[in-house]
N, C-alpha and C. Protein backbone atom coordinates (compact mmCIF):
# COMPACT_ATOMS: atom_id res chain seq x y z
N MET A 1 198.74 224.76 99.65
CA MET A 1 199.20 223.43 99.97
C MET A 1 198.24 222.37 99.41
N ILE A 2 196.95 222.63 99.54
CA ILE A 2 195.95 221.70 99.03
C ILE A 2 196.02 221.65 97.50
N ALA A 3 196.24 222.79 96.87
CA ALA A 3 196.31 222.85 95.42
C ALA A 3 197.53 222.05 94.91
N ALA A 4 198.64 222.15 95.60
CA ALA A 4 199.84 221.42 95.19
C ALA A 4 199.63 219.91 95.36
N THR A 5 198.98 219.51 96.44
CA THR A 5 198.70 218.09 96.69
C THR A 5 197.75 217.54 95.62
N LEU A 6 196.72 218.32 95.30
CA LEU A 6 195.79 217.88 94.27
C LEU A 6 196.45 217.79 92.90
N SER A 7 197.31 218.75 92.59
CA SER A 7 197.97 218.70 91.28
C SER A 7 198.94 217.52 91.20
N VAL A 8 199.63 217.18 92.27
CA VAL A 8 200.50 216.00 92.29
C VAL A 8 199.68 214.74 92.16
N LEU A 9 198.57 214.67 92.85
CA LEU A 9 197.69 213.51 92.79
C LEU A 9 197.13 213.31 91.38
N ILE A 10 196.68 214.39 90.77
CA ILE A 10 196.15 214.31 89.42
C ILE A 10 197.25 213.92 88.44
N THR A 11 198.46 214.43 88.62
CA THR A 11 199.58 214.08 87.76
C THR A 11 199.91 212.59 87.87
N VAL A 12 199.90 212.06 89.10
CA VAL A 12 200.19 210.63 89.30
C VAL A 12 199.10 209.78 88.65
N VAL A 13 197.84 210.18 88.78
CA VAL A 13 196.74 209.43 88.18
C VAL A 13 196.84 209.47 86.66
N VAL A 14 197.20 210.60 86.09
CA VAL A 14 197.33 210.71 84.63
C VAL A 14 198.47 209.83 84.14
N ILE A 15 199.60 209.82 84.84
CA ILE A 15 200.74 208.99 84.44
C ILE A 15 200.37 207.51 84.53
N ALA A 16 199.68 207.10 85.61
CA ALA A 16 199.28 205.71 85.77
C ALA A 16 198.30 205.31 84.67
N THR A 17 197.38 206.21 84.32
CA THR A 17 196.42 205.93 83.27
C THR A 17 197.11 205.78 81.92
N MET A 18 198.06 206.65 81.63
CA MET A 18 198.78 206.56 80.36
C MET A 18 199.59 205.26 80.27
N LEU A 19 200.23 204.86 81.38
CA LEU A 19 200.97 203.60 81.38
C LEU A 19 200.04 202.41 81.19
N ALA A 20 198.88 202.43 81.84
CA ALA A 20 197.92 201.34 81.68
C ALA A 20 197.41 201.28 80.24
N LEU A 21 197.11 202.42 79.64
CA LEU A 21 196.64 202.44 78.26
C LEU A 21 197.72 201.95 77.30
N ALA A 22 198.97 202.32 77.55
CA ALA A 22 200.06 201.83 76.70
C ALA A 22 200.21 200.32 76.83
N ASP A 23 200.07 199.79 78.04
CA ASP A 23 200.16 198.34 78.26
C ASP A 23 199.02 197.62 77.55
N PHE A 24 197.80 198.14 77.66
CA PHE A 24 196.66 197.53 76.99
C PHE A 24 196.84 197.56 75.47
N TRP A 25 197.37 198.66 74.94
CA TRP A 25 197.57 198.78 73.51
C TRP A 25 198.60 197.76 73.02
N LEU A 26 199.70 197.59 73.78
CA LEU A 26 200.72 196.61 73.39
C LEU A 26 200.16 195.18 73.43
N ARG A 27 199.39 194.85 74.46
CA ARG A 27 198.80 193.52 74.55
C ARG A 27 197.79 193.28 73.43
N ALA A 28 196.99 194.30 73.14
CA ALA A 28 195.97 194.16 72.10
C ALA A 28 196.62 194.02 70.73
N SER A 29 197.67 194.75 70.47
CA SER A 29 198.32 194.63 69.16
C SER A 29 198.99 193.26 69.01
N SER A 30 199.53 192.73 70.09
CA SER A 30 200.12 191.40 70.05
C SER A 30 199.05 190.33 69.82
N ALA A 31 197.92 190.46 70.50
CA ALA A 31 196.83 189.50 70.32
C ALA A 31 196.26 189.60 68.91
N TYR A 32 196.15 190.81 68.38
CA TYR A 32 195.64 190.98 67.02
C TYR A 32 196.58 190.34 66.00
N ALA A 33 197.88 190.51 66.20
CA ALA A 33 198.85 189.91 65.29
C ALA A 33 198.77 188.39 65.34
N SER A 34 198.58 187.84 66.53
CA SER A 34 198.44 186.39 66.67
C SER A 34 197.18 185.89 65.97
N LEU A 35 196.07 186.59 66.15
CA LEU A 35 194.82 186.21 65.49
C LEU A 35 194.93 186.34 63.98
N LYS A 36 195.61 187.37 63.52
CA LYS A 36 195.79 187.56 62.08
C LYS A 36 196.65 186.43 61.50
N ARG A 37 197.69 186.03 62.21
CA ARG A 37 198.56 184.94 61.76
C ARG A 37 197.77 183.63 61.70
N GLN A 38 196.95 183.35 62.73
CA GLN A 38 196.13 182.14 62.72
C GLN A 38 195.11 182.18 61.59
N SER A 39 194.55 183.33 61.33
CA SER A 39 193.58 183.46 60.24
C SER A 39 194.25 183.19 58.90
N ASP A 40 195.45 183.69 58.70
CA ASP A 40 196.18 183.44 57.47
C ASP A 40 196.50 181.96 57.30
N LEU A 41 196.85 181.28 58.41
CA LEU A 41 197.15 179.85 58.34
C LEU A 41 195.90 179.05 58.01
N VAL A 42 194.76 179.42 58.58
CA VAL A 42 193.51 178.71 58.29
C VAL A 42 193.12 178.92 56.83
N LYS A 43 193.30 180.13 56.32
CA LYS A 43 193.00 180.38 54.91
C LYS A 43 193.92 179.58 53.99
N ALA A 44 195.15 179.32 54.45
CA ALA A 44 196.10 178.55 53.64
C ALA A 44 195.84 177.05 53.72
N GLY A 45 194.95 176.62 54.62
CA GLY A 45 194.59 175.21 54.70
C GLY A 45 195.16 174.49 55.91
N PHE A 46 195.87 175.18 56.76
CA PHE A 46 196.41 174.56 57.96
C PHE A 46 195.42 174.69 59.10
N VAL A 47 195.42 173.69 59.98
CA VAL A 47 194.54 173.71 61.14
C VAL A 47 195.40 174.00 62.37
N PRO A 48 195.06 175.03 63.14
CA PRO A 48 195.88 175.33 64.32
C PRO A 48 195.77 174.23 65.36
N GLN A 49 196.88 173.91 65.99
CA GLN A 49 196.90 172.86 67.01
C GLN A 49 196.47 173.44 68.35
N VAL A 50 195.59 172.73 69.02
CA VAL A 50 195.11 173.17 70.33
C VAL A 50 196.10 172.73 71.38
N GLU A 51 196.30 173.56 72.39
CA GLU A 51 197.25 173.21 73.45
C GLU A 51 196.76 171.99 74.20
N ALA A 52 197.71 171.23 74.73
CA ALA A 52 197.38 169.97 75.41
C ALA A 52 196.55 170.20 76.67
N GLN A 53 196.63 171.33 77.28
CA GLN A 53 195.85 171.60 78.49
C GLN A 53 194.37 171.71 78.17
N ILE A 54 194.04 172.09 76.94
CA ILE A 54 192.64 172.28 76.58
C ILE A 54 192.01 170.96 76.15
N ILE A 55 192.81 170.06 75.58
CA ILE A 55 192.28 168.80 75.06
C ILE A 55 191.97 167.86 76.20
N ARG A 56 190.80 167.26 76.18
CA ARG A 56 190.45 166.22 77.13
C ARG A 56 190.68 164.89 76.42
N LEU A 57 191.56 164.06 76.95
CA LEU A 57 191.98 162.86 76.26
C LEU A 57 190.89 161.80 76.22
N ARG A 58 190.09 161.68 77.23
CA ARG A 58 189.06 160.66 77.28
C ARG A 58 187.71 161.33 77.49
N PRO A 59 186.72 160.99 76.67
CA PRO A 59 185.41 161.61 76.87
C PRO A 59 184.78 161.15 78.18
N VAL A 60 183.98 162.01 78.75
CA VAL A 60 183.32 161.71 80.01
C VAL A 60 182.21 160.70 79.76
N ALA A 61 182.21 159.63 80.54
CA ALA A 61 181.17 158.60 80.40
C ALA A 61 179.88 159.11 81.02
N PRO A 62 178.75 158.84 80.38
CA PRO A 62 177.48 159.28 80.98
C PRO A 62 177.21 158.50 82.26
N ARG A 63 176.70 159.15 83.24
CA ARG A 63 176.44 158.54 84.55
C ARG A 63 175.05 157.92 84.57
N THR A 64 174.89 156.82 83.84
CA THR A 64 173.58 156.19 83.78
C THR A 64 173.34 155.29 84.98
N SER A 65 174.27 154.39 85.25
CA SER A 65 174.14 153.51 86.39
C SER A 65 175.55 153.08 86.81
N PRO A 66 175.70 152.59 88.03
CA PRO A 66 177.05 152.19 88.45
C PRO A 66 177.63 151.07 87.59
N SER A 67 176.78 150.19 87.05
CA SER A 67 177.29 149.08 86.27
C SER A 67 177.80 149.54 84.90
N ALA A 68 177.37 150.71 84.44
CA ALA A 68 177.83 151.17 83.14
C ALA A 68 179.30 151.56 83.19
N THR A 69 179.74 152.11 84.29
CA THR A 69 181.13 152.53 84.39
C THR A 69 181.98 151.54 85.18
N ARG A 70 181.34 150.76 86.05
CA ARG A 70 182.09 149.79 86.86
C ARG A 70 181.38 148.44 86.78
N PRO A 71 181.78 147.57 85.87
CA PRO A 71 181.08 146.29 85.74
C PRO A 71 181.22 145.41 86.97
N PHE A 72 182.26 145.62 87.76
CA PHE A 72 182.43 144.80 88.96
C PHE A 72 181.46 145.18 90.06
N ALA A 73 180.75 146.30 89.91
CA ALA A 73 179.84 146.75 90.95
C ALA A 73 178.47 146.07 90.85
N THR A 74 178.23 145.31 89.80
CA THR A 74 176.93 144.64 89.68
C THR A 74 176.90 143.44 90.60
N ARG A 75 175.76 143.19 91.14
CA ARG A 75 175.61 142.05 92.03
C ARG A 75 175.11 140.85 91.26
N LEU A 76 175.61 139.71 91.61
CA LEU A 76 175.14 138.48 90.99
C LEU A 76 173.80 138.10 91.59
N PRO A 77 172.94 137.42 90.83
CA PRO A 77 171.66 137.00 91.41
C PRO A 77 171.90 135.94 92.49
N ARG A 78 171.08 135.99 93.54
CA ARG A 78 171.24 135.05 94.65
C ARG A 78 170.76 133.67 94.23
N ARG A 79 171.51 132.66 94.59
CA ARG A 79 171.11 131.28 94.29
C ARG A 79 170.37 130.71 95.49
N GLU A 80 169.38 129.97 95.19
CA GLU A 80 168.64 129.28 96.26
C GLU A 80 169.45 128.09 96.73
N MET A 81 169.60 127.96 98.02
CA MET A 81 170.36 126.85 98.57
C MET A 81 169.38 125.73 98.95
N THR A 82 169.69 124.56 98.51
CA THR A 82 168.84 123.41 98.82
C THR A 82 169.29 122.78 100.14
N SER A 83 168.43 121.99 100.70
CA SER A 83 168.75 121.37 101.98
C SER A 83 169.88 120.35 101.86
N SER A 84 170.07 119.75 100.68
CA SER A 84 171.14 118.78 100.52
C SER A 84 172.50 119.43 100.61
N ARG A 85 172.61 120.68 100.19
CA ARG A 85 173.88 121.36 100.27
C ARG A 85 174.16 121.85 101.69
N LEU A 86 173.14 122.08 102.43
CA LEU A 86 173.35 122.53 103.80
C LEU A 86 173.92 121.43 104.69
N HIS A 87 173.55 120.21 104.43
CA HIS A 87 173.99 119.09 105.29
C HIS A 87 175.24 118.43 104.76
N GLY A 88 175.80 118.89 103.66
CA GLY A 88 177.01 118.33 103.15
C GLY A 88 176.83 117.11 102.29
N ALA A 89 175.63 116.75 101.90
CA ALA A 89 175.40 115.59 101.06
C ALA A 89 175.76 115.92 99.62
N ALA A 90 176.37 114.98 98.96
CA ALA A 90 176.77 115.24 97.59
C ALA A 90 175.83 114.66 96.58
C-alpha cells in the first residue's frame, strides 16, 4: 500500500514538473522571439517605443526648499509700522 502511494505521488510530481518545464519553455521562447524582433528593429534603425506606464511625464523637482516648488509658501518680509499709521493719521 505504501509503495503504491509513493509511486502515485512520484508520478504526480513528475507530471507537474514536466508541465511546469513545458510552460517555462513556451514563455522563454516567446520572450526570446520578442527580444530578437526588437534587436532586428534596432539594427534597422528603428527605436522601440516605451510603454506609457514606464514613462514619467514630468521630472521630479529637487526638494531644495519649500519656495523652490511652491512660490506662494515664501513669507514676505515684515514691515515696520510707524506710530502715525497706528493712530490713523494720513
